[in-house]
Amino acid sequence: MTKVFVLNGPNLGRLGSREPDVYGGGSLVELRDGLETHAASLPNASSVELDFRQTDSETELISWLHEAVDAGASVIINPAAFTHYSYALRDAAAQVTSAGLPLVEVHITNPHAREVFRHTSVISGVATGVIAGFGFESYILALDAVTRRLS
């Protein structure tokens, strides 16, 4: 069984009501449901288990990355605002890839097409890859990349 943690950072629990002109009108529940539907359609669907979570707490997000390492789980992470400044989160993410596990950083929007402060990611340098700007499809592309990498 391939376990994939799908971790979402601050304010993503407000999807659908938070700046729908920027993030779209879909909710976090709709994102989760769409990703689970996609996972079920994969050729190796019976061997993929998603663990979808969201928190506004940096501490909790770091703990979940530690948990992923301990469980041998791959990670798809949207660090949200923590992307730009959380060195503690970066160090926890580095533990995932150092353990030989894929970690894909995702963003619903393209940070490079937004405010200048969003152009820097402290996570990207330790991630296996980065997918951004495709809305909820960023997560689907990340799941496809992770499952191909593991097969």
N, C-alpha and C. Protein backbone atom coordinates (compact mmCIF):
# COMPACT_ATOMS: atom_id res chain seq x y z
N MET A 1 0.85 -1.18 0.00
CA MET A 1 0.00 0.00 0.00
C MET A 1 0.89 1.24 0.00
N THR A 2 0.64 2.15 -0.92
CA THR A 2 1.34 3.42 -0.98
C THR A 2 0.49 4.48 -0.30
N LYS A 3 1.00 5.00 0.80
CA LYS A 3 0.29 6.06 1.52
C LYS A 3 0.81 7.40 1.03
N VAL A 4 -0.11 8.31 0.72
CA VAL A 4 0.24 9.65 0.28
C VAL A 4 -0.46 10.64 1.20
N PHE A 5 0.34 11.40 1.94
CA PHE A 5 -0.21 12.47 2.76
C PHE A 5 -0.43 13.68 1.86
N VAL A 6 -1.62 14.24 1.89
CA VAL A 6 -1.93 15.47 1.16
C VAL A 6 -2.16 16.53 2.23
N LEU A 7 -1.17 17.40 2.39
CA LEU A 7 -1.16 18.35 3.50
C LEU A 7 -1.40 19.76 3.01
N ASN A 8 -2.30 20.45 3.67
CA ASN A 8 -2.71 21.80 3.28
C ASN A 8 -2.51 22.75 4.44
N GLY A 9 -1.88 23.88 4.16
CA GLY A 9 -1.55 24.85 5.19
C GLY A 9 -2.63 25.88 5.43
N PRO A 10 -2.22 27.01 6.02
CA PRO A 10 -3.16 28.00 6.54
C PRO A 10 -4.07 28.60 5.48
N ASN A 11 -5.29 28.84 5.92
CA ASN A 11 -6.35 29.50 5.16
C ASN A 11 -6.95 28.64 4.05
N LEU A 12 -6.38 27.47 3.78
CA LEU A 12 -6.94 26.64 2.72
C LEU A 12 -8.26 26.00 3.14
N GLY A 13 -8.53 25.96 4.42
CA GLY A 13 -9.83 25.52 4.89
C GLY A 13 -10.94 26.48 4.50
N ARG A 14 -10.57 27.67 4.05
CA ARG A 14 -11.54 28.70 3.65
C ARG A 14 -11.76 28.73 2.13
N LEU A 15 -11.20 27.75 1.42
CA LEU A 15 -11.42 27.71 -0.03
C LEU A 15 -12.91 27.72 -0.33
N GLY A 16 -13.26 28.39 -1.39
CA GLY A 16 -14.66 28.53 -1.78
C GLY A 16 -15.24 29.85 -1.33
N SER A 17 -14.79 30.32 -0.16
CA SER A 17 -15.29 31.61 0.33
C SER A 17 -14.16 32.65 0.38
N ARG A 18 -12.93 32.21 0.40
CA ARG A 18 -11.79 33.13 0.47
C ARG A 18 -11.32 33.48 -0.95
N GLU A 19 -11.45 34.71 -1.30
CA GLU A 19 -10.99 35.22 -2.60
C GLU A 19 -11.26 34.25 -3.75
N PRO A 20 -12.54 33.97 -4.03
CA PRO A 20 -12.84 33.03 -5.12
C PRO A 20 -12.33 33.50 -6.48
N ASP A 21 -12.14 34.81 -6.64
CA ASP A 21 -11.58 35.32 -7.89
C ASP A 21 -10.11 34.93 -8.05
N VAL A 22 -9.45 34.60 -6.95
CA VAL A 22 -8.04 34.18 -6.99
C VAL A 22 -7.94 32.66 -6.93
N TYR A 23 -8.65 32.04 -5.98
CA TYR A 23 -8.50 30.61 -5.70
C TYR A 23 -9.61 29.74 -6.29
N GLY A 24 -10.60 30.35 -6.92
CA GLY A 24 -11.71 29.60 -7.48
C GLY A 24 -12.81 29.41 -6.45
N GLY A 25 -13.92 28.86 -6.89
CA GLY A 25 -15.08 28.71 -6.03
C GLY A 25 -15.19 27.38 -5.33
N GLY A 26 -14.27 26.45 -5.64
CA GLY A 26 -14.34 25.12 -5.04
C GLY A 26 -13.87 25.11 -3.60
N SER A 27 -14.49 24.26 -2.80
CA SER A 27 -14.14 24.14 -1.38
C SER A 27 -13.04 23.10 -1.17
N LEU A 28 -12.51 23.07 0.03
CA LEU A 28 -11.51 22.07 0.39
C LEU A 28 -12.12 20.66 0.30
N VAL A 29 -13.37 20.52 0.67
CA VAL A 29 -14.06 19.23 0.57
C VAL A 29 -14.15 18.80 -0.89
N GLU A 30 -14.47 19.74 -1.78
CA GLU A 30 -14.53 19.42 -3.21
C GLU A 30 -13.15 19.05 -3.75
N LEU A 31 -12.12 19.72 -3.27
CA LEU A 31 -10.75 19.38 -3.66
C LEU A 31 -10.43 17.95 -3.23
N ARG A 32 -10.72 17.64 -1.97
CA ARG A 32 -10.47 16.29 -1.46
C ARG A 32 -11.24 15.24 -2.25
N ASP A 33 -12.52 15.49 -2.47
CA ASP A 33 -13.35 14.53 -3.19
C ASP A 33 -12.85 14.31 -4.61
N GLY A 34 -12.46 15.38 -5.29
CA GLY A 34 -11.93 15.26 -6.65
C GLY A 34 -10.64 14.48 -6.69
N LEU A 35 -9.79 14.70 -5.71
CA LEU A 35 -8.52 13.97 -5.65
C LEU A 35 -8.76 12.50 -5.35
N GLU A 36 -9.69 12.21 -4.44
CA GLU A 36 -10.01 10.81 -4.13
C GLU A 36 -10.62 10.11 -5.34
N THR A 37 -11.46 10.81 -6.08
CA THR A 37 -12.04 10.23 -7.30
C THR A 37 -10.94 9.93 -8.31
N HIS A 38 -10.01 10.85 -8.46
CA HIS A 38 -8.90 10.63 -9.39
C HIS A 38 -8.04 9.45 -8.92
N ALA A 39 -7.75 9.40 -7.64
CA ALA A 39 -6.93 8.30 -7.10
C ALA A 39 -7.59 6.95 -7.40
N ALA A 40 -8.91 6.90 -7.29
CA ALA A 40 -9.64 5.65 -7.53
C ALA A 40 -9.59 5.23 -9.00
N SER A 41 -9.28 6.17 -9.91
CA SER A 41 -9.23 5.86 -11.33
C SER A 41 -7.83 5.46 -11.80
N LEU A 42 -6.86 5.55 -10.93
CA LEU A 42 -5.49 5.21 -11.31
C LEU A 42 -5.34 3.71 -11.54
N PRO A 43 -4.45 3.31 -12.44
CA PRO A 43 -4.26 1.88 -12.69
C PRO A 43 -3.92 1.08 -11.43
N ASN A 44 -3.21 1.70 -10.52
CA ASN A 44 -2.81 1.03 -9.28
C ASN A 44 -3.65 1.53 -8.10
N ALA A 45 -4.91 1.88 -8.37
CA ALA A 45 -5.77 2.53 -7.37
C ALA A 45 -5.87 1.74 -6.07
N SER A 46 -5.90 0.44 -6.16
CA SER A 46 -6.06 -0.36 -4.94
C SER A 46 -4.84 -0.27 -4.03
N SER A 47 -3.73 0.22 -4.57
CA SER A 47 -2.52 0.31 -3.74
C SER A 47 -2.22 1.73 -3.27
N VAL A 48 -3.12 2.69 -3.56
CA VAL A 48 -2.90 4.08 -3.16
C VAL A 48 -3.90 4.47 -2.08
N GLU A 49 -3.38 4.96 -0.96
CA GLU A 49 -4.23 5.44 0.12
C GLU A 49 -3.91 6.91 0.39
N LEU A 50 -4.90 7.79 0.24
CA LEU A 50 -4.71 9.21 0.50
C LEU A 50 -5.06 9.53 1.95
N ASP A 51 -4.25 10.38 2.55
CA ASP A 51 -4.53 10.91 3.89
C ASP A 51 -4.54 12.42 3.74
N PHE A 52 -5.73 13.00 3.62
CA PHE A 52 -5.93 14.41 3.28
C PHE A 52 -6.16 15.21 4.56
N ARG A 53 -5.35 16.27 4.76
CA ARG A 53 -5.43 17.06 6.00
C ARG A 53 -5.23 18.55 5.70
N GLN A 54 -5.77 19.38 6.60
CA GLN A 54 -5.56 20.83 6.53
C GLN A 54 -5.40 21.36 7.95
N THR A 55 -4.49 22.34 8.08
CA THR A 55 -4.29 23.00 9.37
C THR A 55 -3.86 24.44 9.15
N ASP A 56 -4.18 25.26 10.12
CA ASP A 56 -3.66 26.62 10.14
C ASP A 56 -2.44 26.73 11.04
N SER A 57 -2.01 25.61 11.60
CA SER A 57 -0.91 25.56 12.57
C SER A 57 0.39 25.08 11.94
N GLU A 58 1.40 25.90 12.02
CA GLU A 58 2.72 25.52 11.52
C GLU A 58 3.25 24.30 12.29
N THR A 59 3.04 24.29 13.58
CA THR A 59 3.50 23.18 14.42
C THR A 59 2.87 21.86 13.98
N GLU A 60 1.57 21.89 13.73
CA GLU A 60 0.88 20.67 13.33
C GLU A 60 1.35 20.19 11.96
N LEU A 61 1.57 21.11 11.04
CA LEU A 61 2.06 20.76 9.70
C LEU A 61 3.43 20.10 9.80
N ILE A 62 4.29 20.63 10.64
CA ILE A 62 5.62 20.04 10.86
C ILE A 62 5.48 18.64 11.44
N SER A 63 4.60 18.48 12.40
CA SER A 63 4.37 17.15 13.01
C SER A 63 3.89 16.15 11.96
N TRP A 64 3.03 16.60 11.06
CA TRP A 64 2.53 15.70 10.02
C TRP A 64 3.65 15.27 9.07
N LEU A 65 4.59 16.17 8.79
CA LEU A 65 5.73 15.78 7.95
C LEU A 65 6.59 14.74 8.67
N HIS A 66 6.78 14.91 9.96
CA HIS A 66 7.51 13.90 10.74
C HIS A 66 6.77 12.57 10.69
N GLU A 67 5.46 12.62 10.81
CA GLU A 67 4.63 11.41 10.76
C GLU A 67 4.77 10.72 9.40
N ALA A 68 4.81 11.51 8.32
CA ALA A 68 4.98 10.95 6.98
C ALA A 68 6.30 10.20 6.88
N VAL A 69 7.37 10.79 7.38
CA VAL A 69 8.67 10.12 7.36
C VAL A 69 8.59 8.80 8.11
N ASP A 70 8.03 8.84 9.31
CA ASP A 70 7.94 7.64 10.15
C ASP A 70 7.08 6.56 9.50
N ALA A 71 6.07 6.97 8.71
CA ALA A 71 5.17 6.03 8.05
C ALA A 71 5.68 5.60 6.67
N GLY A 72 6.75 6.23 6.20
CA GLY A 72 7.25 5.93 4.86
C GLY A 72 6.29 6.41 3.78
N ALA A 73 5.60 7.51 4.05
CA ALA A 73 4.58 8.03 3.13
C ALA A 73 5.12 9.14 2.25
N SER A 74 4.64 9.18 1.03
CA SER A 74 4.93 10.30 0.13
C SER A 74 4.09 11.49 0.57
N VAL A 75 4.47 12.69 0.10
CA VAL A 75 3.77 13.89 0.54
C VAL A 75 3.48 14.80 -0.65
N ILE A 76 2.25 15.27 -0.70
CA ILE A 76 1.85 16.39 -1.55
C ILE A 76 1.51 17.49 -0.57
N ILE A 77 2.17 18.63 -0.68
CA ILE A 77 1.98 19.69 0.30
C ILE A 77 1.73 21.03 -0.36
N ASN A 78 0.69 21.69 0.11
CA ASN A 78 0.47 23.10 -0.22
C ASN A 78 0.73 23.86 1.08
N PRO A 79 1.94 24.38 1.24
CA PRO A 79 2.28 25.06 2.49
C PRO A 79 1.62 26.42 2.65
N ALA A 80 0.95 26.89 1.59
CA ALA A 80 0.27 28.18 1.63
C ALA A 80 1.26 29.28 2.07
N ALA A 81 0.87 30.14 2.97
CA ALA A 81 1.73 31.26 3.37
C ALA A 81 3.05 30.81 3.98
N PHE A 82 3.08 29.62 4.58
CA PHE A 82 4.34 29.12 5.16
C PHE A 82 5.41 28.90 4.09
N THR A 83 4.99 28.80 2.85
CA THR A 83 5.91 28.60 1.72
C THR A 83 7.06 29.60 1.74
N HIS A 84 6.75 30.82 2.12
CA HIS A 84 7.65 31.94 1.89
C HIS A 84 8.61 32.23 3.03
N TYR A 85 8.38 31.63 4.20
CA TYR A 85 9.23 32.03 5.32
C TYR A 85 9.48 30.96 6.38
N SER A 86 8.83 29.81 6.30
CA SER A 86 8.96 28.85 7.40
C SER A 86 10.15 27.92 7.20
N TYR A 87 11.25 28.30 7.80
CA TYR A 87 12.45 27.45 7.72
C TYR A 87 12.26 26.18 8.53
N ALA A 88 11.46 26.23 9.57
CA ALA A 88 11.17 25.01 10.34
C ALA A 88 10.40 24.02 9.46
N LEU A 89 9.44 24.50 8.69
CA LEU A 89 8.71 23.63 7.78
C LEU A 89 9.63 23.11 6.69
N ARG A 90 10.51 23.95 6.20
CA ARG A 90 11.48 23.54 5.19
C ARG A 90 12.36 22.41 5.71
N ASP A 91 12.82 22.52 6.94
CA ASP A 91 13.67 21.47 7.52
C ASP A 91 12.90 20.17 7.69
N ALA A 92 11.63 20.24 8.05
CA ALA A 92 10.80 19.03 8.17
C ALA A 92 10.56 18.42 6.79
N ALA A 93 10.33 19.25 5.77
CA ALA A 93 10.14 18.76 4.40
C ALA A 93 11.41 18.08 3.90
N ALA A 94 12.57 18.63 4.26
CA ALA A 94 13.84 18.03 3.85
C ALA A 94 14.01 16.62 4.42
N GLN A 95 13.43 16.38 5.59
CA GLN A 95 13.52 15.03 6.17
C GLN A 95 12.76 14.02 5.31
N VAL A 96 11.68 14.46 4.67
CA VAL A 96 10.90 13.57 3.80
C VAL A 96 11.76 13.14 2.62
N THR A 97 12.31 14.11 1.91
CA THR A 97 13.10 13.77 0.72
C THR A 97 14.41 13.09 1.09
N SER A 98 14.98 13.44 2.24
CA SER A 98 16.21 12.76 2.70
C SER A 98 15.95 11.29 2.98
N ALA A 99 14.72 10.96 3.32
CA ALA A 99 14.33 9.57 3.57
C ALA A 99 14.04 8.83 2.26
N GLY A 100 14.21 9.53 1.13
CA GLY A 100 13.98 8.91 -0.17
C GLY A 100 12.52 8.88 -0.59
N LEU A 101 11.71 9.68 0.08
CA LEU A 101 10.28 9.74 -0.22
C LEU A 101 9.97 10.97 -1.08
N PRO A 102 9.08 10.84 -2.06
CA PRO A 102 8.72 12.00 -2.86
C PRO A 102 7.95 13.03 -2.04
N LEU A 103 8.25 14.30 -2.27
CA LEU A 103 7.51 15.41 -1.69
C LEU A 103 7.29 16.42 -2.80
N VAL A 104 6.02 16.64 -3.15
CA VAL A 104 5.68 17.58 -4.22
C VAL A 104 5.00 18.79 -3.59
N GLU A 105 5.56 19.95 -3.85
CA GLU A 105 4.97 21.22 -3.41
C GLU A 105 3.95 21.63 -4.46
N VAL A 106 2.73 21.94 -4.01
CA VAL A 106 1.69 22.37 -4.95
C VAL A 106 1.13 23.73 -4.53
N HIS A 107 0.64 24.44 -5.52
CA HIS A 107 -0.06 25.70 -5.30
C HIS A 107 -1.21 25.79 -6.29
N ILE A 108 -2.33 26.28 -5.83
CA ILE A 108 -3.50 26.44 -6.67
C ILE A 108 -3.25 27.54 -7.70
N THR A 109 -2.64 28.63 -7.25
CA THR A 109 -2.31 29.74 -8.15
C THR A 109 -0.83 29.65 -8.52
N ASN A 110 -0.40 30.51 -9.42
CA ASN A 110 1.02 30.61 -9.77
C ASN A 110 1.63 31.72 -8.93
N PRO A 111 2.40 31.37 -7.89
CA PRO A 111 2.97 32.41 -7.02
C PRO A 111 3.83 33.43 -7.78
N HIS A 112 4.42 33.02 -8.90
CA HIS A 112 5.30 33.93 -9.65
C HIS A 112 4.52 34.97 -10.44
N ALA A 113 3.22 34.78 -10.56
CA ALA A 113 2.37 35.74 -11.27
C ALA A 113 1.63 36.63 -10.27
N ARG A 114 2.03 36.56 -9.01
CA ARG A 114 1.35 37.31 -7.96
C ARG A 114 2.31 38.29 -7.31
N GLU A 115 2.01 38.71 -6.10
CA GLU A 115 2.83 39.69 -5.40
C GLU A 115 4.27 39.19 -5.26
N VAL A 116 5.21 40.13 -5.25
CA VAL A 116 6.63 39.79 -5.23
C VAL A 116 6.99 38.92 -4.03
N PHE A 117 6.39 39.18 -2.86
CA PHE A 117 6.76 38.38 -1.68
C PHE A 117 6.43 36.90 -1.86
N ARG A 118 5.52 36.58 -2.80
CA ARG A 118 5.15 35.18 -3.04
C ARG A 118 6.11 34.47 -4.00
N HIS A 119 7.04 35.17 -4.57
CA HIS A 119 7.94 34.59 -5.56
C HIS A 119 8.98 33.67 -4.95
N THR A 120 9.22 33.77 -3.67
CA THR A 120 10.25 32.96 -3.01
C THR A 120 9.59 31.83 -2.23
N SER A 121 10.09 30.62 -2.46
CA SER A 121 9.66 29.46 -1.68
C SER A 121 10.87 28.88 -0.97
N VAL A 122 10.78 28.73 0.34
CA VAL A 122 11.86 28.08 1.07
C VAL A 122 11.69 26.56 1.01
N ILE A 123 10.56 26.09 0.52
CA ILE A 123 10.26 24.66 0.42
C ILE A 123 10.78 24.07 -0.89
N SER A 124 10.69 24.82 -1.98
CA SER A 124 11.01 24.31 -3.31
C SER A 124 12.39 23.66 -3.39
N GLY A 125 13.35 24.22 -2.71
CA GLY A 125 14.72 23.71 -2.79
C GLY A 125 14.91 22.32 -2.21
N VAL A 126 13.98 21.86 -1.39
CA VAL A 126 14.08 20.51 -0.82
C VAL A 126 12.99 19.59 -1.36
N ALA A 127 12.08 20.12 -2.19
CA ALA A 127 11.00 19.32 -2.75
C ALA A 127 11.50 18.49 -3.92
N THR A 128 10.84 17.37 -4.16
CA THR A 128 11.13 16.57 -5.34
C THR A 128 10.73 17.34 -6.59
N GLY A 129 9.61 18.06 -6.50
CA GLY A 129 9.12 18.85 -7.61
C GLY A 129 8.09 19.86 -7.13
N VAL A 130 7.75 20.79 -8.02
CA VAL A 130 6.78 21.85 -7.70
C VAL A 130 5.79 21.95 -8.85
N ILE A 131 4.50 22.00 -8.50
CA ILE A 131 3.44 22.17 -9.50
C ILE A 131 2.56 23.32 -9.02
N ALA A 132 2.37 24.32 -9.88
CA ALA A 132 1.64 25.51 -9.46
C ALA A 132 0.86 26.10 -10.62
N GLY A 133 -0.25 26.73 -10.27
CA GLY A 133 -0.99 27.53 -11.23
C GLY A 133 -2.09 26.82 -11.98
N PHE A 134 -2.37 25.57 -11.66
CA PHE A 134 -3.38 24.82 -12.39
C PHE A 134 -4.65 24.60 -11.57
N GLY A 135 -4.87 25.43 -10.57
CA GLY A 135 -6.05 25.26 -9.73
C GLY A 135 -5.99 23.93 -9.00
N PHE A 136 -7.14 23.31 -8.81
CA PHE A 136 -7.19 22.03 -8.11
C PHE A 136 -6.44 20.94 -8.89
N GLU A 137 -6.31 21.13 -10.20
CA GLU A 137 -5.59 20.15 -11.02
C GLU A 137 -4.11 20.04 -10.61
N SER A 138 -3.58 21.07 -9.96
CA SER A 138 -2.19 20.97 -9.46
C SER A 138 -2.03 19.74 -8.57
N TYR A 139 -3.05 19.46 -7.76
CA TYR A 139 -3.00 18.29 -6.87
C TYR A 139 -3.07 16.98 -7.66
N ILE A 140 -3.90 16.96 -8.69
CA ILE A 140 -4.03 15.75 -9.51
C ILE A 140 -2.72 15.48 -10.23
N LEU A 141 -2.11 16.51 -10.78
CA LEU A 141 -0.81 16.35 -11.44
C LEU A 141 0.24 15.85 -10.45
N ALA A 142 0.20 16.37 -9.24
CA ALA A 142 1.15 15.94 -8.20
C ALA A 142 0.92 14.47 -7.85
N LEU A 143 -0.33 14.06 -7.69
CA LEU A 143 -0.62 12.66 -7.38
C LEU A 143 -0.15 11.75 -8.51
N ASP A 144 -0.38 12.15 -9.74
CA ASP A 144 0.10 11.37 -10.88
C ASP A 144 1.62 11.22 -10.84
N ALA A 145 2.31 12.33 -10.54
CA ALA A 145 3.78 12.28 -10.49
C ALA A 145 4.25 11.36 -9.37
N VAL A 146 3.63 11.47 -8.22
CA VAL A 146 4.03 10.63 -7.08
C VAL A 146 3.80 9.16 -7.38
N THR A 147 2.62 8.82 -7.89
CA THR A 147 2.33 7.41 -8.13
C THR A 147 3.20 6.83 -9.25
N ARG A 148 3.49 7.62 -10.28
CA ARG A 148 4.40 7.14 -11.33
C ARG A 148 5.80 6.92 -10.77
N ARG A 149 6.23 7.81 -9.91
CA ARG A 149 7.57 7.71 -9.33
C ARG A 149 7.70 6.46 -8.46
N LEU A 150 6.61 6.07 -7.84
CA LEU A 150 6.64 4.92 -6.93
C LEU A 150 6.38 3.58 -7.62
N SER A 151 5.89 3.63 -8.88
CA SER A 151 5.58 2.36 -9.56
C SER A 151 6.77 1.82 -10.31
